């Protein structure tokens, strides 16, 4: 049974944002890593992940209805 999530991508990852990011269809049980690959994000580029405002990681599973935010590595000086 398909459900959907909301995807937010930041900085250099913005180019991977799908047109239907506000209601992106998923199969329940998909991991953040599999989701990233599905929309074309290289796994090494998905460094900071939030699910419904809570820190997550590439192995976190989604069930539907979540808000997923992915940030690239951050550099600074």
PDB file of N, CA and C in Angstrom:
ATOM      1  N   UNK A   1       0.842  -1.184   0.000  1.00  0.00           N
ATOM      2  CA  UNK A   1       0.000   0.000   0.000  1.00  0.00           C
ATOM      3  C   UNK A   1       0.886   1.245   0.000  1.00  0.00           C
ATOM      4  N   UNK A   2       0.698   2.100  -0.965  1.00  0.00           N
ATOM      5  CA  UNK A   2       1.505   3.325  -1.052  1.00  0.00           C
ATOM      6  C   UNK A   2       0.968   4.382  -0.097  1.00  0.00           C
ATOM      7  N   UNK A   3       1.870   5.187   0.375  1.00  0.00           N
ATOM      8  CA  UNK A   3       1.545   6.337   1.194  1.00  0.00           C
ATOM      9  C   UNK A   3       2.480   7.457   0.734  1.00  0.00           C
ATOM     10  N   UNK A   4       2.533   8.573   1.434  1.00  0.00           N
ATOM     11  CA  UNK A   4       3.402   9.655   0.965  1.00  0.00           C
ATOM     12  C   UNK A   4       4.096  10.348   2.131  1.00  0.00           C
ATOM     13  N   UNK A   5       5.158  11.065   1.781  1.00  0.00           N
ATOM     14  CA  UNK A   5       5.930  11.854   2.732  1.00  0.00           C
ATOM     15  C   UNK A   5       6.177  13.225   2.122  1.00  0.00           C
ATOM     16  N   UNK A   6       6.657  14.148   2.947  1.00  0.00           N
ATOM     17  CA  UNK A   6       7.072  15.472   2.474  1.00  0.00           C
ATOM     18  C   UNK A   6       8.598  15.517   2.529  1.00  0.00           C
ATOM     19  N   UNK A   7       9.222  15.940   1.431  1.00  0.00           N
ATOM     20  CA  UNK A   7      10.684  15.988   1.344  1.00  0.00           C
ATOM     21  C   UNK A   7      11.147  17.434   1.244  1.00  0.00           C
ATOM     22  N   UNK A   8      12.147  17.783   2.058  1.00  0.00           N
ATOM     23  CA  UNK A   8      12.827  19.077   1.974  1.00  0.00           C
ATOM     24  C   UNK A   8      14.312  18.797   1.793  1.00  0.00           C
ATOM     25  N   UNK A   9      14.909  19.402   0.779  1.00  0.00           N
ATOM     26  CA  UNK A   9      16.342  19.251   0.525  1.00  0.00           C
ATOM     27  C   UNK A   9      16.985  20.628   0.583  1.00  0.00           C
ATOM     28  N   UNK A  10      18.177  20.713   1.132  1.00  0.00           N
ATOM     29  CA  UNK A  10      18.807  22.004   1.364  1.00  0.00           C
ATOM     30  C   UNK A  10      20.140  22.136   0.638  1.00  0.00           C
ATOM     31  N   UNK A  11      20.499  23.396   0.398  1.00  0.00           N
ATOM     32  CA  UNK A  11      21.768  23.782  -0.233  1.00  0.00           C
ATOM     33  C   UNK A  11      21.964  23.045  -1.559  1.00  0.00           C
ATOM     34  N   UNK A  12      23.112  22.407  -1.731  1.00  0.00           N
ATOM     35  CA  UNK A  12      23.436  21.779  -3.017  1.00  0.00           C
ATOM     36  C   UNK A  12      22.529  20.603  -3.357  1.00  0.00           C
ATOM     37  N   UNK A  13      21.781  20.085  -2.392  1.00  0.00           N
ATOM     38  CA  UNK A  13      20.877  18.964  -2.666  1.00  0.00           C
ATOM     39  C   UNK A  13      19.577  19.416  -3.325  1.00  0.00           C
ATOM     40  N   UNK A  14      19.327  20.717  -3.350  1.00  0.00           N
ATOM     41  CA  UNK A  14      18.083  21.235  -3.914  1.00  0.00           C
ATOM     42  C   UNK A  14      17.818  20.775  -5.336  1.00  0.00           C
ATOM     43  N   UNK A  15      18.859  20.515  -6.094  1.00  0.00           N
ATOM     44  CA  UNK A  15      18.676  20.103  -7.493  1.00  0.00           C
ATOM     45  C   UNK A  15      18.034  18.719  -7.609  1.00  0.00           C
ATOM     46  N   UNK A  16      18.032  17.947  -6.525  1.00  0.00           N
ATOM     47  CA  UNK A  16      17.427  16.611  -6.544  1.00  0.00           C
ATOM     48  C   UNK A  16      15.955  16.614  -6.115  1.00  0.00           C
ATOM     49  N   UNK A  17      15.449  17.766  -5.706  1.00  0.00           N
ATOM     50  CA  UNK A  17      14.081  17.840  -5.180  1.00  0.00           C
ATOM     51  C   UNK A  17      13.070  17.467  -6.258  1.00  0.00           C
ATOM     52  N   UNK A  18      12.273  16.424  -6.019  1.00  0.00           N
ATOM     53  CA  UNK A  18      11.276  16.034  -7.022  1.00  0.00           C
ATOM     54  C   UNK A  18      10.122  17.034  -7.069  1.00  0.00           C
ATOM     55  N   UNK A  19       9.451  17.102  -8.209  1.00  0.00           N
ATOM     56  CA  UNK A  19       8.326  18.021  -8.374  1.00  0.00           C
ATOM     57  C   UNK A  19       7.219  17.760  -7.365  1.00  0.00           C
ATOM     58  N   UNK A  20       7.042  16.513  -6.973  1.00  0.00           N
ATOM     59  CA  UNK A  20       5.975  16.144  -6.049  1.00  0.00           C
ATOM     60  C   UNK A  20       6.485  16.005  -4.610  1.00  0.00           C
ATOM     61  N   UNK A  21       7.452  16.837  -4.230  1.00  0.00           N
ATOM     62  CA  UNK A  21       8.099  16.727  -2.922  1.00  0.00           C
ATOM     63  C   UNK A  21       7.144  16.935  -1.753  1.00  0.00           C
ATOM     64  N   UNK A  22       6.047  17.660  -1.955  1.00  0.00           N
ATOM     65  CA  UNK A  22       5.092  17.880  -0.864  1.00  0.00           C
ATOM     66  C   UNK A  22       4.243  16.653  -0.582  1.00  0.00           C
ATOM     67  N   UNK A  23       4.186  15.737  -1.525  1.00  0.00           N
ATOM     68  CA  UNK A  23       3.418  14.502  -1.346  1.00  0.00           C
ATOM     69  C   UNK A  23       4.081  13.404  -2.182  1.00  0.00           C
ATOM     70  N   UNK A  24       5.305  13.029  -1.769  1.00  0.00           N
ATOM     71  CA  UNK A  24       6.100  12.067  -2.523  1.00  0.00           C
ATOM     72  C   UNK A  24       5.665  10.648  -2.157  1.00  0.00           C
ATOM     73  N   UNK A  25       5.265   9.836  -3.148  1.00  0.00           N
ATOM     74  CA  UNK A  25       4.785   8.483  -2.846  1.00  0.00           C
ATOM     75  C   UNK A  25       5.920   7.547  -2.438  1.00  0.00           C
ATOM     76  N   UNK A  26       5.663   6.762  -1.401  1.00  0.00           N
ATOM     77  CA  UNK A  26       6.625   5.758  -0.938  1.00  0.00           C
ATOM     78  C   UNK A  26       5.884   4.470  -0.591  1.00  0.00           C
ATOM     79  N   UNK A  27       6.649   3.398  -0.502  1.00  0.00           N
ATOM     80  CA  UNK A  27       6.157   2.151   0.079  1.00  0.00           C
ATOM     81  C   UNK A  27       6.546   2.190   1.555  1.00  0.00           C
ATOM     82  N   UNK A  28       5.619   1.939   2.473  1.00  0.00           N
ATOM     83  CA  UNK A  28       5.991   1.907   3.893  1.00  0.00           C
ATOM     84  C   UNK A  28       7.149   0.937   4.121  1.00  0.00           C
ATOM     85  N   UNK A  29       8.093   1.344   4.975  1.00  0.00           N
ATOM     86  CA  UNK A  29       9.254   0.514   5.272  1.00  0.00           C
ATOM     87  C   UNK A  29      10.504   0.913   4.512  1.00  0.00           C
ATOM     88  N   UNK A  30      10.387   1.823   3.539  1.00  0.00           N
ATOM     89  CA  UNK A  30      11.568   2.293   2.811  1.00  0.00           C
ATOM     90  C   UNK A  30      12.489   3.033   3.786  1.00  0.00           C
ATOM     91  N   UNK A  31      13.784   2.869   3.614  1.00  0.00           N
ATOM     92  CA  UNK A  31      14.740   3.583   4.467  1.00  0.00           C
ATOM     93  C   UNK A  31      15.076   4.935   3.841  1.00  0.00           C
ATOM     94  N   UNK A  32      15.631   5.809   4.661  1.00  0.00           N
ATOM     95  CA  UNK A  32      16.083   7.107   4.151  1.00  0.00           C
ATOM     96  C   UNK A  32      17.151   6.901   3.077  1.00  0.00           C
ATOM     97  N   UNK A  33      18.036   5.938   3.279  1.00  0.00           N
ATOM     98  CA  UNK A  33      19.069   5.651   2.285  1.00  0.00           C
ATOM     99  C   UNK A  33      18.475   5.251   0.948  1.00  0.00           C
ATOM    100  N   UNK A  34      17.487   4.363   0.971  1.00  0.00           N
ATOM    101  CA  UNK A  34      16.834   3.936  -0.271  1.00  0.00           C
ATOM    102  C   UNK A  34      16.080   5.093  -0.910  1.00  0.00           C
ATOM    103  N   UNK A  35      15.463   5.932  -0.090  1.00  0.00           N
ATOM    104  CA  UNK A  35      14.766   7.113  -0.606  1.00  0.00           C
ATOM    105  C   UNK A  35      15.757   8.050  -1.294  1.00  0.00           C
ATOM    106  N   UNK A  36      16.901   8.300  -0.642  1.00  0.00           N
ATOM    107  CA  UNK A  36      17.917   9.185  -1.219  1.00  0.00           C
ATOM    108  C   UNK A  36      18.362   8.666  -2.586  1.00  0.00           C
ATOM    109  N   UNK A  37      18.656   7.375  -2.662  1.00  0.00           N
ATOM    110  CA  UNK A  37      19.076   6.798  -3.942  1.00  0.00           C
ATOM    111  C   UNK A  37      17.965   6.890  -4.983  1.00  0.00           C
ATOM    112  N   UNK A  38      16.730   6.693  -4.563  1.00  0.00           N
ATOM    113  CA  UNK A  38      15.593   6.745  -5.491  1.00  0.00           C
ATOM    114  C   UNK A  38      15.454   8.115  -6.155  1.00  0.00           C
ATOM    115  N   UNK A  39      15.770   9.183  -5.405  1.00  0.00           N
ATOM    116  CA  UNK A  39      15.650  10.517  -6.002  1.00  0.00           C
ATOM    117  C   UNK A  39      16.984  11.034  -6.536  1.00  0.00           C
ATOM    118  N   UNK A  40      18.032  10.185  -6.490  1.00  0.00           N
ATOM    119  CA  UNK A  40      19.296  10.520  -7.138  1.00  0.00           C
ATOM    120  C   UNK A  40      20.364  11.121  -6.254  1.00  0.00           C
ATOM    121  N   UNK A  41      20.135  11.178  -4.950  1.00  0.00           N
ATOM    122  CA  UNK A  41      21.131  11.759  -4.047  1.00  0.00           C
ATOM    123  C   UNK A  41      22.205  10.714  -3.723  1.00  0.00           C
ATOM    124  N   UNK A  42      23.479  11.012  -3.998  1.00  0.00           N
ATOM    125  CA  UNK A  42      24.543  10.097  -3.575  1.00  0.00           C
ATOM    126  C   UNK A  42      24.543   9.991  -2.042  1.00  0.00           C
ATOM    127  N   UNK A  43      24.665   8.793  -1.510  1.00  0.00           N
ATOM    128  CA  UNK A  43      24.565   8.604  -0.059  1.00  0.00           C
ATOM    129  C   UNK A  43      25.571   9.446   0.719  1.00  0.00           C
ATOM    130  N   UNK A  44      26.762   9.634   0.167  1.00  0.00           N
ATOM    131  CA  UNK A  44      27.759  10.438   0.877  1.00  0.00           C
ATOM    132  C   UNK A  44      27.373  11.913   0.945  1.00  0.00           C
ATOM    133  N   UNK A  45      26.383  12.324   0.160  1.00  0.00           N
ATOM    134  CA  UNK A  45      25.921  13.712   0.175  1.00  0.00           C
ATOM    135  C   UNK A  45      24.786  13.949   1.167  1.00  0.00           C
ATOM    136  N   UNK A  46      24.236  12.891   1.736  1.00  0.00           N
ATOM    137  CA  UNK A  46      23.141  13.010   2.706  1.00  0.00           C
ATOM    138  C   UNK A  46      23.729  12.886   4.107  1.00  0.00           C
ATOM    139  N   UNK A  47      24.219  13.995   4.654  1.00  0.00           N
ATOM    140  CA  UNK A  47      24.958  13.945   5.919  1.00  0.00           C
ATOM    141  C   UNK A  47      24.102  14.225   7.148  1.00  0.00           C
ATOM    142  N   UNK A  48      23.163  15.139   7.054  1.00  0.00           N
ATOM    143  CA  UNK A  48      22.338  15.501   8.203  1.00  0.00           C
ATOM    144  C   UNK A  48      20.886  15.269   7.820  1.00  0.00           C
ATOM    145  N   UNK A  49      20.209  14.425   8.580  1.00  0.00           N
ATOM    146  CA  UNK A  49      18.853  13.998   8.241  1.00  0.00           C
ATOM    147  C   UNK A  49      17.940  14.255   9.429  1.00  0.00           C
ATOM    148  N   UNK A  50      16.776  14.841   9.147  1.00  0.00           N
ATOM    149  CA  UNK A  50      15.758  15.030  10.170  1.00  0.00           C
ATOM    150  C   UNK A  50      14.459  14.406   9.692  1.00  0.00           C
ATOM    151  N   UNK A  51      13.796  13.704  10.594  1.00  0.00           N
ATOM    152  CA  UNK A  51      12.496  13.109  10.318  1.00  0.00           C
ATOM    153  C   UNK A  51      11.532  13.683  11.344  1.00  0.00           C
ATOM    154  N   UNK A  52      10.547  14.440  10.870  1.00  0.00           N
ATOM    155  CA  UNK A  52       9.605  15.124  11.767  1.00  0.00           C
ATOM    156  C   UNK A  52      10.338  15.935  12.834  1.00  0.00           C
ATOM    157  N   UNK A  53      11.436  16.588  12.439  1.00  0.00           N
ATOM    158  CA  UNK A  53      12.186  17.445  13.341  1.00  0.00           C
ATOM    159  C   UNK A  53      13.153  16.726  14.265  1.00  0.00           C
ATOM    160  N   UNK A  54      13.226  15.398  14.188  1.00  0.00           N
ATOM    161  CA  UNK A  54      14.136  14.610  15.022  1.00  0.00           C
ATOM    162  C   UNK A  54      15.282  14.076  14.164  1.00  0.00           C
ATOM    163  N   UNK A  55      16.498  14.098  14.732  1.00  0.00           N
ATOM    164  CA  UNK A  55      17.657  13.622  13.970  1.00  0.00           C
ATOM    165  C   UNK A  55      17.477  12.151  13.594  1.00  0.00           C
ATOM    166  N   UNK A  56      17.782  11.840  12.349  1.00  0.00           N
ATOM    167  CA  UNK A  56      17.685  10.476  11.848  1.00  0.00           C
ATOM    168  C   UNK A  56      18.953  10.085  11.123  1.00  0.00           C
ATOM    169  N   UNK A  57      18.931   8.912  10.497  1.00  0.00           N
ATOM    170  CA  UNK A  57      20.078   8.467   9.709  1.00  0.00           C
ATOM    171  C   UNK A  57      19.589   7.676   8.500  1.00  0.00           C
ATOM    172  N   UNK A  58      20.524   7.227   7.685  1.00  0.00           N
ATOM    173  CA  UNK A  58      20.174   6.554   6.433  1.00  0.00           C
ATOM    174  C   UNK A  58      19.422   5.245   6.641  1.00  0.00           C
ATOM    175  N   UNK A  59      19.541   4.643   7.820  1.00  0.00           N
ATOM    176  CA  UNK A  59      18.861   3.369   8.067  1.00  0.00           C
ATOM    177  C   UNK A  59      17.452   3.538   8.630  1.00  0.00           C
ATOM    178  N   UNK A  60      17.051   4.768   8.930  1.00  0.00           N
ATOM    179  CA  UNK A  60      15.715   5.010   9.495  1.00  0.00           C
ATOM    180  C   UNK A  60      14.640   4.618   8.486  1.00  0.00           C
ATOM    181  N   UNK A  61      13.620   3.929   8.975  1.00  0.00           N
ATOM    182  CA  UNK A  61      12.520   3.489   8.109  1.00  0.00           C
ATOM    183  C   UNK A  61      11.361   4.476   8.181  1.00  0.00           C
ATOM    184  N   UNK A  62      10.710   4.652   7.045  1.00  0.00           N
ATOM    185  CA  UNK A  62       9.563   5.548   6.953  1.00  0.00           C
ATOM    186  C   UNK A  62       8.279   4.732   6.851  1.00  0.00           C
ATOM    187  N   UNK A  63       7.212   5.244   7.449  1.00  0.00           N
ATOM    188  CA  UNK A  63       5.928   4.543   7.378  1.00  0.00           C
ATOM    189  C   UNK A  63       4.895   5.329   6.589  1.00  0.00           C
ATOM    190  N   UNK A  64       5.161   6.618   6.375  1.00  0.00           N
ATOM    191  CA  UNK A  64       4.230   7.474   5.643  1.00  0.00           C
ATOM    192  C   UNK A  64       3.787   8.626   6.521  1.00  0.00           C
ATOM    193  N   UNK A  65       3.607   9.782   5.915  1.00  0.00           N
ATOM    194  CA  UNK A  65       3.185  10.963   6.646  1.00  0.00           C
ATOM    195  C   UNK A  65       4.320  11.775   7.241  1.00  0.00           C
ATOM    196  N   UNK A  66       5.553  11.289   7.152  1.00  0.00           N
ATOM    197  CA  UNK A  66       6.682  12.001   7.745  1.00  0.00           C
ATOM    198  C   UNK A  66       7.090  13.216   6.907  1.00  0.00           C
ATOM    199  N   UNK A  67       7.779  14.136   7.603  1.00  0.00           N
ATOM    200  CA  UNK A  67       8.469  15.251   6.958  1.00  0.00           C
ATOM    201  C   UNK A  67       9.957  14.926   7.043  1.00  0.00           C
ATOM    202  N   UNK A  68      10.599  14.789   5.891  1.00  0.00           N
ATOM    203  CA  UNK A  68      12.009  14.401   5.821  1.00  0.00           C
ATOM    204  C   UNK A  68      12.819  15.581   5.302  1.00  0.00           C
ATOM    205  N   UNK A  69      13.856  15.963   6.051  1.00  0.00           N
ATOM    206  CA  UNK A  69      14.764  17.032   5.633  1.00  0.00           C
ATOM    207  C   UNK A  69      16.167  16.445   5.535  1.00  0.00           C
ATOM    208  N   UNK A  70      16.839  16.727   4.418  1.00  0.00           N
ATOM    209  CA  UNK A  70      18.192  16.207   4.203  1.00  0.00           C
ATOM    210  C   UNK A  70      19.119  17.371   3.855  1.00  0.00           C
ATOM    211  N   UNK A  71      20.238  17.430   4.564  1.00  0.00           N
ATOM    212  CA  UNK A  71      21.251  18.461   4.354  1.00  0.00           C
ATOM    213  C   UNK A  71      22.542  17.806   3.865  1.00  0.00           C
ATOM    214  N   UNK A  72      23.303  18.508   3.015  1.00  0.00           N
ATOM    215  CA  UNK A  72      24.604  17.998   2.576  1.00  0.00           C
ATOM    216  C   UNK A  72      25.657  18.251   3.654  1.00  0.00           C
ATOM    217  N   UNK A  73      26.883  17.751   3.461  1.00  0.00           N
ATOM    218  CA  UNK A  73      27.965  18.084   4.396  1.00  0.00           C
ATOM    219  C   UNK A  73      28.140  19.599   4.452  1.00  0.00           C
ATOM    220  N   UNK A  74      28.427  20.099   5.634  1.00  0.00           N
ATOM    221  CA  UNK A  74      28.586  21.539   5.817  1.00  0.00           C
ATOM    222  C   UNK A  74      30.060  21.831   6.039  1.00  0.00           C
ATOM    223  N   UNK A  75      30.586  22.768   5.267  1.00  0.00           N
ATOM    224  CA  UNK A  75      31.973  23.179   5.437  1.00  0.00           C
ATOM    225  C   UNK A  75      32.018  24.519   6.141  1.00  0.00           C
ATOM    226  N   UNK A  76      33.122  24.838   6.699  1.00  0.00           N
ATOM    227  CA  UNK A  76      33.246  26.119   7.375  1.00  0.00           C
ATOM    228  C   UNK A  76      34.699  26.431   7.633  1.00  0.00           C
ATOM    229  N   UNK A  77      34.894  27.617   8.130  1.00  0.00           N
ATOM    230  CA  UNK A  77      36.275  27.972   8.375  1.00  0.00           C
ATOM    231  C   UNK A  77      36.440  28.877   9.522  1.00  0.00           C
TER     232      UNK A  77
END
